[in-house]
Protein backbone atom coordinates (compact mmCIF):
# COMPACT_ATOMS: atom_id res chain seq x y z
CA UNK A 1 4.46 -94.65 -201.66
CA UNK A 2 7.65 -93.02 -201.65
CA UNK A 3 6.68 -90.47 -199.00
CA UNK A 4 7.84 -91.42 -196.08
CA UNK A 5 6.67 -90.01 -192.88
CA UNK A 6 7.69 -89.64 -188.90
CA UNK A 7 6.68 -89.18 -185.91
CA UNK A 8 8.60 -87.96 -183.12
CA UNK A 9 7.06 -87.51 -179.51
CA UNK A 10 8.91 -86.39 -176.95
CA UNK A 11 8.46 -85.12 -173.16
CA UNK A 12 9.58 -82.26 -171.54
CA UNK A 13 13.20 -82.25 -170.12
CA UNK A 14 14.02 -82.27 -165.93
CA UNK A 15 12.16 -79.66 -164.90
CA UNK A 16 12.43 -78.00 -161.09
CA UNK A 17 9.95 -79.38 -158.51
CA UNK A 18 8.23 -76.53 -157.34
CA UNK A 19 7.15 -73.52 -158.60
CA UNK A 20 4.22 -71.04 -157.98
CA UNK A 21 2.26 -73.65 -160.10
CA UNK A 22 2.80 -76.79 -162.12
CA UNK A 23 2.62 -74.75 -165.31
CA UNK A 24 5.33 -72.46 -164.52
CA UNK A 25 7.99 -75.44 -163.23
CA UNK A 26 11.25 -74.26 -165.38
CA UNK A 27 13.94 -76.74 -166.55
CA UNK A 28 16.72 -77.68 -164.29
CA UNK A 29 20.15 -76.89 -165.52
CA UNK A 30 20.47 -80.87 -166.60
CA UNK A 31 16.89 -80.61 -168.38
CA UNK A 32 18.32 -77.64 -170.30
CA UNK A 33 21.51 -79.88 -171.27
CA UNK A 34 19.48 -82.66 -172.04
CA UNK A 35 17.36 -80.73 -174.48
CA UNK A 36 20.31 -80.08 -176.15
CA UNK A 37 21.62 -83.61 -176.28
CA UNK A 38 18.11 -84.15 -177.98
CA UNK A 39 18.84 -81.54 -180.31
CA UNK A 40 22.05 -83.02 -181.38
CA UNK A 41 20.95 -85.97 -181.76
CA UNK A 42 18.12 -84.90 -184.32
CA UNK A 43 20.47 -82.95 -185.99
CA UNK A 44 23.09 -85.59 -186.12
CA UNK A 45 20.32 -87.88 -187.52
CA UNK A 46 19.42 -85.56 -190.50
CA UNK A 47 16.00 -85.38 -188.44
CA UNK A 48 13.63 -81.92 -188.49
CA UNK A 49 10.09 -82.13 -188.33
CA UNK A 50 7.95 -79.81 -190.18
CA UNK A 51 5.34 -78.97 -187.49
CA UNK A 52 5.38 -79.09 -183.71
CA UNK A 53 2.52 -79.34 -180.87
CA UNK A 54 3.86 -77.87 -177.56
CA UNK A 55 2.07 -77.50 -174.47
CA UNK A 56 2.08 -73.65 -173.21
CA UNK A 57 3.71 -74.69 -169.60
CA UNK A 58 7.15 -73.30 -169.12
CA UNK A 59 9.23 -76.53 -169.15
CA UNK A 60 7.87 -77.75 -172.41
CA UNK A 61 8.53 -74.25 -174.21
CA UNK A 62 12.05 -74.05 -172.82
CA UNK A 63 12.37 -77.82 -174.34
CA UNK A 64 11.69 -76.67 -177.52
CA UNK A 65 13.30 -73.73 -177.64
CA UNK A 66 16.59 -75.69 -176.66
CA UNK A 67 16.32 -78.39 -179.06
CA UNK A 68 15.15 -75.91 -182.00
CA UNK A 69 18.68 -73.51 -180.95
CA UNK A 70 21.01 -76.83 -180.77
CA UNK A 71 19.55 -78.44 -184.02
CA UNK A 72 19.16 -75.45 -185.78
CA UNK A 73 15.81 -76.23 -187.01
CA UNK A 74 14.46 -73.81 -189.34
CA UNK A 75 11.45 -73.49 -191.58
CA UNK A 76 9.45 -75.82 -188.59
CA UNK A 77 5.96 -74.41 -187.86
CA UNK A 78 4.68 -74.79 -183.77
CA UNK A 79 1.64 -74.55 -182.47
CA UNK A 80 0.63 -74.00 -178.70
CA UNK A 81 -1.86 -76.81 -177.58
CA UNK A 82 -3.14 -78.04 -173.85
CA UNK A 83 -6.01 -79.82 -175.15
CA UNK A 84 -4.39 -82.83 -174.10
CA UNK A 85 -4.23 -82.06 -170.13
């Protein structure tokens, strides 16, 4: 087998403790910085996902957006899923 596959599983970055709902909790400044650090790590390791499943919760979308921007990820399809709740 020559095609090597890799699964990357990650949790959202640090989020504010309070918001009108759990789903609406945004990232803290520390959380944004951490997500960018992960983006740096992926970029430096030459790792770029082909597809990402991201929860519709604000903190997970913000984590994904910061990671993608920092890692300069292009060509990755992403979908929103909350079926794992």
